[in-house]
Amino acid sequence: MRTRARLDTATVESLLAAAVAAPSLHNTQPWRFRLDPGSQVLEVHSAPERTLPRTDPTHRAQYLSVGAAVFNLRLAAVHQGWRPEVRLLPDPHQPGLLATVRLSGPLGSDDQPSDPGLYEAIARRHTSRMPFTGRPVPEPLVAEMTAAAHAAGARLHVPDIAGTRRLLRLTAQAEARNHAHPDRTAETRTWLTAPGADTPYGIPVTALGPPDAARRMPMRDFTGALPALRLPALWFERHVQLALLWTPHDRRDDWLRAGQALQYVLLTATAHGLRTSLLHQAMEWPDLRAATTLPRHKRCHPHVLIRFGYGPDGARTPRAPGHCAARPAAPPATESGTS
């Protein structure tokens, strides 16, 4: 692993390529990057033009996506031999500045990553909307995913059969509400793209999955009133393996931590050959999100359901290049100015 005294263009491009590979709701990629070359700080800003006002009015899902991108940035920095120092919401006067990643110097001999396979998993992680085999995931691997979420400041709950059915029912209710809400279905269709479309955002129809022939698995239907685009129904796994990602608090910085934890869990699963997909529908309705909380945890604030298992790889979705604007230099201080 090589280290550099100063950031060069190739290193910055490598860091941003990893960051933009993070998942985001409807592949909106709601982030923007800025580099301060003097302090070697990468700023991660929100992108207001790539939000979902109907589906995500509080921007919580946007924060999850940005948190996932920050986690990828951290992994890529360590891979390049840098020590990343992350600050969440560093400036109360800049609400759109969600995080900074300062590359404080080369890694020392005691700073080697404990999860060397996670960086390689960034490029392999894709959402799989296809049926899984139903083969049980070994308990030690589930425990590793749970530990990953905890290490990033969140919690991962793997429910029993009854709990899984309850969460799937709530997700199905949310999916039905979305279908009955014209503004939400229109917003979703806006992010559906045709094959070969010249756009780096959204979900191509080639990345969509089929509906469940048994109607047990409430996968999101992006086609809405366009049934011609819908794939023939297939039989999904009978015993669904789900995990609920949650945090003990529900502030903006908790959403960013949950996003980092989400990506940590997804990459851990990917590194071990698992496929994943996200069920977010119930989180888009306040009453249904509240209903997904764990009864024995008074401070449980849910963020997303993760479906995991063995099965076919997911189709790639496009990504915009990770452009990084340079931060304007500060004006020179005058003799009468403050230092």
Protein backbone atom coordinates (compact mmCIF):
# COMPACT_ATOMS: atom_id res chain seq x y z
CA MET A 1 0.00 0.00 0.00
CA ARG A 2 1.53 3.32 -1.05
CA THR A 3 1.25 6.56 0.86
CA ARG A 4 1.66 10.10 -0.38
CA ALA A 5 2.63 13.27 1.42
CA ARG A 6 0.06 15.28 -0.56
CA LEU A 7 -3.15 14.43 -2.32
CA ASP A 8 -2.82 14.14 -6.08
CA THR A 9 -5.53 14.04 -8.73
CA ALA A 10 -5.43 10.26 -9.13
CA THR A 11 -5.94 9.74 -5.39
CA VAL A 12 -8.87 12.16 -5.24
CA GLU A 13 -10.51 10.47 -8.23
CA SER A 14 -10.07 7.07 -6.59
CA LEU A 15 -11.65 8.31 -3.36
CA LEU A 16 -14.63 9.81 -5.15
CA ALA A 17 -15.15 6.75 -7.35
CA ALA A 18 -15.58 4.74 -4.17
CA ALA A 19 -17.85 7.34 -2.57
CA VAL A 20 -20.33 7.51 -5.46
CA ALA A 21 -20.69 3.71 -5.50
CA ALA A 22 -22.78 4.00 -2.33
CA PRO A 23 -26.49 3.10 -2.51
CA SER A 24 -29.16 5.79 -2.57
CA LEU A 25 -32.94 5.74 -2.71
CA HIS A 26 -33.99 5.54 -6.40
CA ASN A 27 -30.28 6.03 -7.24
CA THR A 28 -30.62 9.78 -6.77
CA GLN A 29 -26.97 10.09 -5.61
CA PRO A 30 -27.84 13.14 -3.46
CA TRP A 31 -24.29 14.28 -2.68
CA ARG A 32 -21.75 16.81 -3.85
CA PHE A 33 -18.04 16.99 -3.01
CA ARG A 34 -15.63 19.84 -2.47
CA LEU A 35 -11.90 19.70 -1.76
CA ASP A 36 -9.85 22.10 0.32
CA PRO A 37 -6.34 21.33 -1.00
CA GLY A 38 -4.58 23.25 1.76
CA SER A 39 -6.08 21.32 4.65
CA GLN A 40 -6.64 18.12 2.62
CA VAL A 41 -10.27 18.07 3.68
CA LEU A 42 -13.00 16.56 1.50
CA GLU A 43 -16.37 18.15 2.16
CA VAL A 44 -19.55 16.18 1.51
CA HIS A 45 -22.57 18.38 0.79
CA SER A 46 -26.19 17.57 0.08
CA ALA A 47 -27.52 18.00 -3.44
CA PRO A 48 -30.95 19.66 -3.05
CA GLU A 49 -31.80 19.16 -6.73
CA ARG A 50 -31.62 15.37 -6.29
CA THR A 51 -34.07 14.89 -3.45
CA LEU A 52 -37.43 13.14 -3.23
CA PRO A 53 -39.89 15.66 -1.71
CA ARG A 54 -42.82 13.21 -1.71
CA THR A 55 -41.03 10.04 -0.69
CA ASP A 56 -38.43 11.61 1.60
CA PRO A 57 -39.77 14.98 2.84
CA THR A 58 -37.57 15.05 5.96
CA HIS A 59 -34.44 14.10 3.93
CA ARG A 60 -33.68 11.24 6.29
CA ALA A 61 -33.09 8.80 3.41
CA GLN A 62 -30.81 11.38 1.80
CA TYR A 63 -28.70 11.46 4.96
CA LEU A 64 -28.53 7.66 4.95
CA SER A 65 -27.18 7.79 1.39
CA VAL A 66 -24.61 10.44 2.24
CA GLY A 67 -23.54 8.45 5.30
CA ALA A 68 -22.97 5.41 3.08
CA ALA A 69 -20.85 7.53 0.73
CA VAL A 70 -18.80 8.80 3.68
CA PHE A 71 -18.14 5.23 4.79
CA ASN A 72 -16.87 4.38 1.30
CA LEU A 73 -14.64 7.46 1.41
CA ARG A 74 -13.16 6.25 4.68
CA LEU A 75 -12.47 2.80 3.28
CA ALA A 76 -10.90 4.19 0.13
CA ALA A 77 -8.69 6.57 2.11
CA VAL A 78 -7.36 3.73 4.25
CA HIS A 79 -6.81 1.64 1.13
CA GLN A 80 -4.72 4.48 -0.32
CA GLY A 81 -2.67 4.69 2.87
CA TRP A 82 -4.30 7.73 4.48
CA ARG A 83 -5.75 8.19 7.95
CA PRO A 84 -9.28 9.66 7.57
CA GLU A 85 -10.80 11.84 10.29
CA VAL A 86 -14.56 12.21 9.86
CA ARG A 87 -16.69 15.00 11.30
CA LEU A 88 -20.46 14.96 10.92
CA LEU A 89 -22.38 18.23 10.54
CA PRO A 90 -19.24 20.24 11.30
CA ASP A 91 -20.68 23.73 10.75
CA PRO A 92 -24.11 24.75 12.11
CA HIS A 93 -24.08 27.74 9.74
CA GLN A 94 -23.84 25.43 6.71
CA PRO A 95 -26.74 22.96 7.01
CA GLY A 96 -25.95 21.55 3.57
CA LEU A 97 -22.44 20.56 4.66
CA LEU A 98 -23.14 17.10 6.03
CA ALA A 99 -19.63 15.78 6.68
CA THR A 100 -15.95 16.42 6.26
CA VAL A 101 -13.24 13.83 5.77
CA ARG A 102 -9.76 15.11 6.62
CA LEU A 103 -6.83 13.05 5.44
CA SER A 104 -4.56 13.79 8.36
CA GLY A 105 -1.53 11.83 7.25
CA PRO A 106 -0.17 8.44 6.27
CA LEU A 107 -1.31 5.36 8.13
CA GLY A 108 1.01 4.02 10.76
CA SER A 109 1.95 0.40 11.27
CA ASP A 110 -0.82 0.06 13.87
CA ASP A 111 -3.49 1.61 11.65
CA GLN A 112 -3.92 -1.20 9.15
CA PRO A 113 -7.56 -1.97 8.32
CA SER A 114 -9.14 -4.85 10.20
CA ASP A 115 -11.53 -5.60 7.31
CA PRO A 116 -9.28 -5.81 4.25
CA GLY A 117 -12.00 -7.30 2.02
CA LEU A 118 -14.47 -4.44 2.42
CA TYR A 119 -12.82 -2.08 -0.03
CA GLU A 120 -12.91 -4.69 -2.79
CA ALA A 121 -16.59 -5.28 -2.00
CA ILE A 122 -17.48 -1.66 -2.89
CA ALA A 123 -17.40 -2.38 -6.63
CA ARG A 124 -19.22 -5.72 -6.24
CA ARG A 125 -22.11 -4.50 -4.11
CA HIS A 126 -25.31 -4.12 -6.11
CA THR A 127 -28.95 -4.27 -5.08
CA SER A 128 -30.46 -7.59 -6.14
CA ARG A 129 -34.21 -7.45 -6.74
CA MET A 130 -34.32 -11.08 -7.83
CA PRO A 131 -35.50 -14.09 -5.77
CA PHE A 132 -32.97 -15.59 -3.39
CA THR A 133 -32.45 -19.30 -2.86
CA GLY A 134 -33.69 -19.41 0.73
CA ARG A 135 -30.47 -21.07 1.89
CA PRO A 136 -29.96 -19.99 5.53
CA VAL A 137 -27.14 -17.55 6.19
CA PRO A 138 -24.82 -18.95 8.88
CA GLU A 139 -25.23 -17.43 12.32
CA PRO A 140 -21.56 -16.33 12.59
CA LEU A 141 -22.00 -14.24 9.43
CA VAL A 142 -25.22 -12.69 10.74
CA ALA A 143 -23.35 -11.90 13.95
CA GLU A 144 -20.59 -10.24 11.93
CA MET A 145 -23.14 -8.05 10.14
CA THR A 146 -24.69 -7.14 13.50
CA ALA A 147 -21.28 -6.24 14.92
CA ALA A 148 -20.56 -4.07 11.87
CA ALA A 149 -23.70 -2.00 12.47
CA HIS A 150 -22.85 -1.59 16.15
CA ALA A 151 -19.29 -0.51 15.36
CA ALA A 152 -20.66 2.29 13.18
CA GLY A 153 -23.05 3.58 15.83
CA ALA A 154 -26.28 1.80 14.88
CA ARG A 155 -28.06 -1.44 15.71
CA LEU A 156 -29.13 -4.39 13.55
CA HIS A 157 -32.05 -6.52 14.66
CA VAL A 158 -32.67 -9.86 12.95
CA PRO A 159 -36.28 -10.86 13.76
CA ASP A 160 -37.73 -14.31 14.19
CA ILE A 161 -40.32 -15.73 11.78
CA ALA A 162 -43.23 -13.88 13.41
CA GLY A 163 -41.28 -10.63 13.49
CA THR A 164 -40.29 -11.03 9.85
CA ARG A 165 -43.89 -11.53 8.81
CA ARG A 166 -44.92 -8.44 10.76
CA LEU A 167 -42.30 -6.29 9.02
CA LEU A 168 -43.24 -7.65 5.61
CA ARG A 169 -46.91 -6.88 6.27
CA LEU A 170 -46.05 -3.29 7.18
CA THR A 171 -43.91 -2.99 4.05
CA ALA A 172 -46.77 -4.34 1.94
CA GLN A 173 -49.14 -1.78 3.47
CA ALA A 174 -46.71 0.99 2.61
CA GLU A 175 -46.30 -0.31 -0.94
CA ALA A 176 -50.09 -0.32 -1.38
CA ARG A 177 -50.30 3.25 -0.09
CA ASN A 178 -47.60 4.34 -2.51
CA HIS A 179 -49.54 2.83 -5.40
CA ALA A 180 -52.67 4.71 -4.32
CA HIS A 181 -50.81 8.03 -4.09
CA PRO A 182 -50.55 9.59 -7.59
CA ASP A 183 -47.87 12.12 -6.63
CA ARG A 184 -45.64 9.45 -5.14
CA THR A 185 -45.99 7.09 -8.07
CA ALA A 186 -45.24 9.96 -10.45
CA GLU A 187 -42.12 10.86 -8.46
CA THR A 188 -40.94 7.25 -8.52
CA ARG A 189 -41.46 6.94 -12.27
CA THR A 190 -39.37 10.09 -12.75
CA TRP A 191 -36.32 8.12 -11.62
CA LEU A 192 -36.99 5.15 -13.91
CA THR A 193 -34.83 5.28 -17.03
CA ALA A 194 -34.98 3.51 -20.38
CA PRO A 195 -32.20 1.15 -21.52
CA GLY A 196 -29.29 3.10 -22.94
CA ALA A 197 -30.56 6.41 -21.60
CA ASP A 198 -27.79 8.96 -21.35
CA THR A 199 -28.23 9.75 -17.66
CA PRO A 200 -26.03 8.78 -14.72
CA TYR A 201 -28.94 8.86 -12.27
CA GLY A 202 -32.04 6.78 -11.68
CA ILE A 203 -32.80 3.09 -12.09
CA PRO A 204 -32.72 1.50 -15.58
CA VAL A 205 -35.59 -0.82 -16.36
CA THR A 206 -32.93 -3.52 -16.85
CA ALA A 207 -32.18 -3.31 -13.10
CA LEU A 208 -35.78 -3.92 -12.03
CA GLY A 209 -36.88 -7.19 -10.55
CA PRO A 210 -40.02 -9.28 -10.94
CA PRO A 211 -42.97 -9.33 -8.54
CA ASP A 212 -43.37 -12.26 -6.18
CA ALA A 213 -45.79 -14.83 -7.58
CA ALA A 214 -46.85 -15.70 -4.01
CA ARG A 215 -47.21 -12.01 -3.07
CA ARG A 216 -45.24 -12.52 0.13
CA MET A 217 -42.31 -10.29 -0.83
CA PRO A 218 -43.38 -6.63 -1.24
CA MET A 219 -40.60 -5.50 -3.56
CA ARG A 220 -41.04 -1.92 -4.77
CA ASP A 221 -42.91 -1.67 -8.08
CA PHE A 222 -41.32 1.14 -10.09
CA THR A 223 -43.50 0.58 -13.15
CA GLY A 224 -46.80 1.77 -11.66
CA ALA A 225 -49.18 2.47 -14.52
CA LEU A 226 -46.72 1.05 -17.06
CA PRO A 227 -47.47 -2.69 -16.83
CA ALA A 228 -45.70 -3.35 -20.14
CA LEU A 229 -42.40 -2.79 -18.33
CA ARG A 230 -43.21 -5.25 -15.55
CA LEU A 231 -41.35 -8.55 -15.58
CA PRO A 232 -43.25 -11.84 -15.27
CA ALA A 233 -43.80 -12.88 -11.66
CA LEU A 234 -41.36 -15.36 -10.08
CA TRP A 235 -41.43 -17.34 -6.85
CA PHE A 236 -39.37 -15.67 -4.17
CA GLU A 237 -37.76 -17.39 -1.20
CA ARG A 238 -40.28 -18.82 1.23
CA HIS A 239 -38.30 -17.96 4.34
CA VAL A 240 -37.20 -14.36 4.00
CA GLN A 241 -34.12 -13.24 5.92
CA LEU A 242 -34.49 -9.65 7.07
CA ALA A 243 -32.66 -7.25 9.34
CA LEU A 244 -33.92 -3.95 10.75
CA LEU A 245 -31.34 -1.16 10.99
CA TRP A 246 -32.09 1.34 13.76
CA THR A 247 -30.50 3.89 16.06
CA PRO A 248 -31.26 4.88 19.68
CA HIS A 249 -31.80 8.52 18.63
CA ASP A 250 -33.32 10.20 15.58
CA ARG A 251 -31.25 13.32 14.95
CA ARG A 252 -29.55 14.35 11.73
CA ASP A 253 -26.17 13.02 12.86
CA ASP A 254 -27.86 9.72 13.78
CA TRP A 255 -29.13 9.45 10.20
CA LEU A 256 -25.58 9.89 8.93
CA ARG A 257 -24.27 7.26 11.35
CA ALA A 258 -27.05 4.92 10.26
CA GLY A 259 -25.95 5.40 6.65
CA GLN A 260 -22.38 4.49 7.52
CA ALA A 261 -23.63 1.46 9.43
CA LEU A 262 -25.85 0.46 6.50
CA GLN A 263 -22.90 0.46 4.12
CA TYR A 264 -20.72 -1.40 6.63
CA VAL A 265 -23.38 -4.12 6.84
CA LEU A 266 -23.92 -4.29 3.07
CA LEU A 267 -20.20 -4.54 2.32
CA THR A 268 -19.72 -7.18 5.01
CA ALA A 269 -22.50 -9.21 3.41
CA THR A 270 -21.05 -8.69 -0.07
CA ALA A 271 -17.55 -9.69 1.02
CA HIS A 272 -19.01 -13.04 2.15
CA GLY A 273 -20.92 -13.70 -1.06
CA LEU A 274 -24.36 -12.55 0.06
CA ARG A 275 -26.83 -10.54 -2.00
CA THR A 276 -28.86 -7.72 -0.52
CA SER A 277 -31.77 -5.45 -1.28
CA LEU A 278 -33.39 -2.68 0.73
CA LEU A 279 -37.04 -2.40 1.73
CA HIS A 280 -37.66 1.24 2.57
CA GLN A 281 -41.36 1.64 1.87
CA ALA A 282 -42.60 1.48 5.47
CA MET A 283 -40.09 4.17 6.49
CA GLU A 284 -41.78 6.60 4.11
CA TRP A 285 -45.01 6.77 6.17
CA PRO A 286 -44.63 8.05 9.76
CA ASP A 287 -47.23 5.74 11.29
CA LEU A 288 -45.87 2.65 9.55
CA ARG A 289 -42.31 3.56 10.42
CA ALA A 290 -43.38 3.87 14.07
CA ALA A 291 -45.04 0.45 13.81
CA THR A 292 -41.74 -1.17 12.76
CA THR A 293 -40.08 -0.28 16.06
CA LEU A 294 -39.04 -3.03 18.43
CA PRO A 295 -41.51 -3.38 21.33
CA ARG A 296 -38.79 -3.90 23.95
CA HIS A 297 -36.72 -0.90 22.89
CA LYS A 298 -38.28 2.44 23.81
CA ARG A 299 -35.60 4.34 21.89
CA CYS A 300 -35.73 2.33 18.67
CA HIS A 301 -35.77 4.59 15.60
CA PRO A 302 -35.92 2.42 12.44
CA HIS A 303 -34.26 3.45 9.19
CA VAL A 304 -34.42 0.61 6.67
CA LEU A 305 -35.03 -3.11 6.25
CA ILE A 306 -32.22 -5.15 4.72
CA ARG A 307 -33.12 -8.33 2.86
CA PHE A 308 -30.15 -10.65 2.58
CA GLY A 309 -29.38 -14.13 1.35
CA TYR A 310 -27.82 -16.16 -1.45
CA GLY A 311 -28.90 -15.62 -5.02
CA PRO A 312 -28.17 -13.94 -8.35
CA ASP A 313 -26.09 -10.80 -8.52
CA GLY A 314 -27.90 -7.51 -8.95
CA ALA A 315 -27.74 -5.47 -12.13
CA ARG A 316 -25.52 -2.41 -12.11
CA THR A 317 -27.05 1.04 -11.92
CA PRO A 318 -25.27 4.07 -13.40
CA ARG A 319 -23.18 6.51 -11.41
CA ALA A 320 -22.27 10.10 -12.08
CA PRO A 321 -18.54 10.80 -12.05
CA GLY A 322 -17.30 11.89 -8.66
CA HIS A 323 -16.40 15.45 -9.59
CA CYS A 324 -14.87 17.49 -6.81
CA ALA A 325 -15.01 21.26 -6.88
CA ALA A 326 -12.11 23.13 -5.33
CA ARG A 327 -12.96 25.16 -2.27
CA PRO A 328 -12.37 28.87 -2.92
CA ALA A 329 -9.30 30.20 -1.23
CA ALA A 330 -9.85 32.47 1.75
CA PRO A 331 -9.10 36.15 1.14
CA PRO A 332 -5.78 37.35 2.51
CA ALA A 333 -5.89 38.89 5.96
CA THR A 334 -5.30 42.61 6.29
CA GLU A 335 -3.29 44.29 8.99
CA SER A 336 -6.44 45.48 10.73
CA GLY A 337 -8.18 42.14 10.38
CA THR A 338 -8.42 39.39 12.94
CA SER A 339 -5.99 36.52 12.83
